[in-house]
Amino acid sequence: MYGAECWPATKEVETRLSIMETNILRWTAGVTRMERIRNDVIWQKFGVAPIADKKREARLRWCGHVLRGKEDSVRKIGLNYEVIGK
């Protein structure tokens, strides 16, 4: 998942990603919605973790990368930047 650490962390985005992932797994397995097979059964068949968990892991990995960086790096300055105003 390229760039997952920068994706917005809203519930709507996670829901849309989950729906997309389920549709792809169903298509790959050759299962239609009419067959009424539960999503968790399909996930177990492929042995994959939910995409929201993978996105969360990517964000945590990026956060660790930023925190370990040098104090004068752009990403560290951006992390500690305080917006004045509103």
N, C-alpha and C. Protein backbone atom coordinates (compact mmCIF):
# COMPACT_ATOMS: atom_id res chain seq x y z
N MET A 1 0.85 -1.17 0.00
CA MET A 1 0.00 0.00 0.00
C MET A 1 0.89 1.23 0.00
N TYR A 2 1.16 1.71 -1.16
CA TYR A 2 2.06 2.84 -1.33
C TYR A 2 1.45 4.11 -0.73
N GLY A 3 2.18 4.77 0.12
CA GLY A 3 1.75 6.04 0.69
C GLY A 3 0.69 5.93 1.76
N ALA A 4 0.46 4.76 2.31
CA ALA A 4 -0.62 4.57 3.30
C ALA A 4 -0.39 5.39 4.56
N GLU A 5 0.87 5.72 4.85
CA GLU A 5 1.13 6.48 6.06
C GLU A 5 0.62 7.91 5.95
N CYS A 6 0.33 8.37 4.75
CA CYS A 6 -0.15 9.74 4.55
C CYS A 6 -1.65 9.82 4.28
N TRP A 7 -2.31 8.70 4.17
CA TRP A 7 -3.75 8.71 3.90
C TRP A 7 -4.49 9.25 5.11
N PRO A 8 -5.61 9.94 4.90
CA PRO A 8 -6.38 10.43 6.04
C PRO A 8 -6.92 9.28 6.89
N ALA A 9 -6.98 9.50 8.19
CA ALA A 9 -7.38 8.44 9.12
C ALA A 9 -8.83 8.59 9.54
N THR A 10 -9.71 8.83 8.58
CA THR A 10 -11.12 8.99 8.92
C THR A 10 -11.84 7.65 8.84
N LYS A 11 -12.96 7.57 9.52
CA LYS A 11 -13.77 6.35 9.51
C LYS A 11 -14.30 6.07 8.10
N GLU A 12 -14.63 7.14 7.38
CA GLU A 12 -15.16 6.98 6.02
C GLU A 12 -14.11 6.32 5.10
N VAL A 13 -12.87 6.76 5.21
CA VAL A 13 -11.81 6.19 4.38
C VAL A 13 -11.60 4.72 4.73
N GLU A 14 -11.58 4.41 6.02
CA GLU A 14 -11.41 3.01 6.44
C GLU A 14 -12.56 2.14 5.95
N THR A 15 -13.78 2.66 6.00
CA THR A 15 -14.94 1.90 5.53
C THR A 15 -14.85 1.64 4.03
N ARG A 16 -14.48 2.67 3.27
CA ARG A 16 -14.38 2.52 1.82
C ARG A 16 -13.27 1.53 1.44
N LEU A 17 -12.14 1.59 2.16
CA LEU A 17 -11.05 0.65 1.89
C LEU A 17 -11.48 -0.78 2.22
N SER A 18 -12.20 -0.95 3.30
CA SER A 18 -12.67 -2.28 3.70
C SER A 18 -13.63 -2.85 2.66
N ILE A 19 -14.54 -2.03 2.17
CA ILE A 19 -15.48 -2.47 1.13
C ILE A 19 -14.74 -2.87 -0.13
N MET A 20 -13.76 -2.05 -0.54
CA MET A 20 -12.98 -2.34 -1.73
C MET A 20 -12.21 -3.65 -1.57
N GLU A 21 -11.61 -3.83 -0.39
CA GLU A 21 -10.85 -5.05 -0.13
C GLU A 21 -11.76 -6.28 -0.19
N THR A 22 -12.92 -6.20 0.42
CA THR A 22 -13.86 -7.32 0.43
C THR A 22 -14.33 -7.64 -0.98
N ASN A 23 -14.62 -6.62 -1.77
CA ASN A 23 -15.04 -6.84 -3.16
C ASN A 23 -13.96 -7.54 -3.97
N ILE A 24 -12.71 -7.13 -3.78
CA ILE A 24 -11.60 -7.74 -4.51
C ILE A 24 -11.42 -9.20 -4.09
N LEU A 25 -11.49 -9.46 -2.79
CA LEU A 25 -11.34 -10.84 -2.31
C LEU A 25 -12.49 -11.72 -2.81
N ARG A 26 -13.71 -11.19 -2.81
CA ARG A 26 -14.85 -11.95 -3.33
C ARG A 26 -14.67 -12.26 -4.81
N TRP A 27 -14.21 -11.26 -5.57
CA TRP A 27 -14.01 -11.44 -7.00
C TRP A 27 -12.92 -12.49 -7.24
N THR A 28 -11.83 -12.42 -6.47
CA THR A 28 -10.73 -13.37 -6.61
C THR A 28 -11.19 -14.79 -6.28
N ALA A 29 -12.04 -14.92 -5.27
CA ALA A 29 -12.53 -16.24 -4.85
C ALA A 29 -13.66 -16.74 -5.75
N GLY A 30 -14.20 -15.87 -6.59
CA GLY A 30 -15.30 -16.27 -7.45
C GLY A 30 -16.62 -16.37 -6.71
N VAL A 31 -16.75 -15.61 -5.63
CA VAL A 31 -17.95 -15.64 -4.79
C VAL A 31 -18.76 -14.38 -5.04
N THR A 32 -20.06 -14.54 -5.22
CA THR A 32 -20.94 -13.38 -5.41
C THR A 32 -21.69 -13.09 -4.12
N ARG A 33 -22.29 -11.92 -4.05
CA ARG A 33 -23.08 -11.55 -2.88
C ARG A 33 -24.33 -12.43 -2.76
N MET A 34 -24.78 -12.96 -3.88
CA MET A 34 -25.97 -13.80 -3.87
C MET A 34 -25.73 -15.13 -3.15
N GLU A 35 -24.47 -15.53 -3.04
CA GLU A 35 -24.15 -16.79 -2.37
C GLU A 35 -24.18 -16.66 -0.85
N ARG A 36 -24.25 -15.45 -0.36
CA ARG A 36 -24.42 -15.15 1.07
C ARG A 36 -23.35 -15.82 1.94
N ILE A 37 -22.11 -15.68 1.52
CA ILE A 37 -20.99 -16.17 2.33
C ILE A 37 -20.43 -14.98 3.10
N ARG A 38 -20.21 -15.16 4.40
CA ARG A 38 -19.77 -14.07 5.26
C ARG A 38 -18.37 -13.58 4.87
N ASN A 39 -18.14 -12.29 5.09
CA ASN A 39 -16.86 -11.69 4.74
C ASN A 39 -15.71 -12.30 5.54
N ASP A 40 -15.93 -12.57 6.82
CA ASP A 40 -14.84 -13.12 7.63
C ASP A 40 -14.42 -14.51 7.16
N VAL A 41 -15.35 -15.26 6.58
CA VAL A 41 -15.02 -16.58 6.02
C VAL A 41 -14.09 -16.40 4.82
N ILE A 42 -14.37 -15.41 4.00
CA ILE A 42 -13.53 -15.14 2.82
C ILE A 42 -12.16 -14.66 3.26
N TRP A 43 -12.10 -13.78 4.27
CA TRP A 43 -10.80 -13.31 4.77
C TRP A 43 -9.98 -14.47 5.31
N GLN A 44 -10.62 -15.40 6.02
CA GLN A 44 -9.91 -16.56 6.56
C GLN A 44 -9.40 -17.46 5.43
N LYS A 45 -10.18 -17.56 4.36
CA LYS A 45 -9.78 -18.39 3.23
C LYS A 45 -8.46 -17.90 2.63
N PHE A 46 -8.31 -16.58 2.54
CA PHE A 46 -7.09 -16.01 1.97
C PHE A 46 -6.01 -15.76 3.01
N GLY A 47 -6.38 -15.75 4.28
CA GLY A 47 -5.41 -15.53 5.35
C GLY A 47 -4.83 -14.12 5.36
N VAL A 48 -5.67 -13.13 5.09
CA VAL A 48 -5.20 -11.75 5.07
C VAL A 48 -5.75 -10.98 6.26
N ALA A 49 -5.01 -9.97 6.66
CA ALA A 49 -5.47 -9.09 7.73
C ALA A 49 -6.28 -7.96 7.10
N PRO A 50 -7.22 -7.38 7.84
CA PRO A 50 -7.99 -6.26 7.30
C PRO A 50 -7.07 -5.10 6.89
N ILE A 51 -7.45 -4.43 5.82
CA ILE A 51 -6.62 -3.36 5.26
C ILE A 51 -6.49 -2.19 6.24
N ALA A 52 -7.47 -1.98 7.10
CA ALA A 52 -7.39 -0.90 8.09
C ALA A 52 -6.25 -1.17 9.06
N ASP A 53 -6.02 -2.43 9.41
CA ASP A 53 -4.90 -2.78 10.29
C ASP A 53 -3.57 -2.51 9.61
N LYS A 54 -3.48 -2.84 8.33
CA LYS A 54 -2.25 -2.60 7.58
C LYS A 54 -1.96 -1.11 7.47
N LYS A 55 -3.02 -0.32 7.27
CA LYS A 55 -2.85 1.14 7.19
C LYS A 55 -2.37 1.69 8.53
N ARG A 56 -2.93 1.19 9.61
CA ARG A 56 -2.53 1.62 10.95
C ARG A 56 -1.06 1.27 11.22
N GLU A 57 -0.65 0.07 10.81
CA GLU A 57 0.75 -0.33 10.97
C GLU A 57 1.69 0.58 10.18
N ALA A 58 1.28 0.94 8.96
CA ALA A 58 2.12 1.82 8.14
C ALA A 58 2.27 3.19 8.79
N ARG A 59 1.18 3.71 9.37
CA ARG A 59 1.25 5.02 10.03
C ARG A 59 2.15 4.96 11.26
N LEU A 60 2.07 3.89 12.03
CA LEU A 60 2.92 3.75 13.21
C LEU A 60 4.39 3.59 12.81
N ARG A 61 4.64 2.85 11.75
CA ARG A 61 6.01 2.67 11.26
C ARG A 61 6.59 4.02 10.82
N TRP A 62 5.78 4.83 10.12
CA TRP A 62 6.22 6.15 9.67
C TRP A 62 6.47 7.06 10.87
N CYS A 63 5.61 7.01 11.86
CA CYS A 63 5.77 7.83 13.06
C CYS A 63 7.08 7.49 13.76
N GLY A 64 7.40 6.22 13.88
CA GLY A 64 8.66 5.81 14.47
C GLY A 64 9.85 6.30 13.66
N HIS A 65 9.72 6.26 12.34
CA HIS A 65 10.77 6.74 11.45
C HIS A 65 11.02 8.23 11.68
N VAL A 66 9.95 9.01 11.80
CA VAL A 66 10.07 10.45 12.02
C VAL A 66 10.69 10.73 13.39
N LEU A 67 10.23 10.03 14.42
CA LEU A 67 10.73 10.28 15.77
C LEU A 67 12.21 9.91 15.91
N ARG A 68 12.69 8.94 15.14
CA ARG A 68 14.10 8.56 15.21
C ARG A 68 15.00 9.47 14.39
N GLY A 69 14.40 10.34 13.57
CA GLY A 69 15.18 11.21 12.69
C GLY A 69 15.93 12.30 13.45
N LYS A 70 16.81 12.98 12.72
CA LYS A 70 17.59 14.06 13.30
C LYS A 70 16.68 15.24 13.61
N GLU A 71 17.09 16.02 14.59
CA GLU A 71 16.27 17.16 15.04
C GLU A 71 16.12 18.23 13.97
N ASP A 72 17.10 18.36 13.06
CA ASP A 72 17.03 19.41 12.04
C ASP A 72 16.45 18.92 10.72
N SER A 73 15.91 17.71 10.69
CA SER A 73 15.30 17.21 9.45
C SER A 73 13.94 17.88 9.22
N VAL A 74 13.56 17.98 7.97
CA VAL A 74 12.30 18.64 7.61
C VAL A 74 11.11 17.94 8.24
N ARG A 75 11.11 16.63 8.23
CA ARG A 75 9.96 15.91 8.79
C ARG A 75 9.85 16.11 10.30
N LYS A 76 10.98 16.23 11.01
CA LYS A 76 10.95 16.45 12.45
C LYS A 76 10.51 17.88 12.76
N ILE A 77 10.96 18.84 11.95
CA ILE A 77 10.53 20.24 12.12
C ILE A 77 9.03 20.34 11.88
N GLY A 78 8.53 19.65 10.85
CA GLY A 78 7.10 19.66 10.56
C GLY A 78 6.28 19.02 11.67
N LEU A 79 6.83 18.01 12.31
CA LEU A 79 6.13 17.34 13.40
C LEU A 79 5.98 18.26 14.60
N ASN A 80 7.01 19.03 14.89
CA ASN A 80 7.02 19.90 16.07
C ASN A 80 6.52 21.32 15.79
N TYR A 81 6.11 21.60 14.55
CA TYR A 81 5.69 22.95 14.17
C TYR A 81 4.36 23.31 14.84
N GLU A 82 4.31 24.50 15.41
CA GLU A 82 3.08 24.99 16.04
C GLU A 82 2.48 26.07 15.16
N VAL A 83 1.23 25.90 14.78
CA VAL A 83 0.54 26.87 13.94
C VAL A 83 0.01 27.99 14.83
N ILE A 84 0.34 29.21 14.46
CA ILE A 84 -0.12 30.37 15.23
C ILE A 84 -1.36 30.93 14.55
N GLY A 85 -2.35 31.27 15.32
CA GLY A 85 -3.58 31.83 14.76
C GLY A 85 -4.78 31.07 15.27
N LYS A 86 -5.60 30.68 14.34
CA LYS A 86 -6.83 29.98 14.69
C LYS A 86 -6.55 28.96 15.71
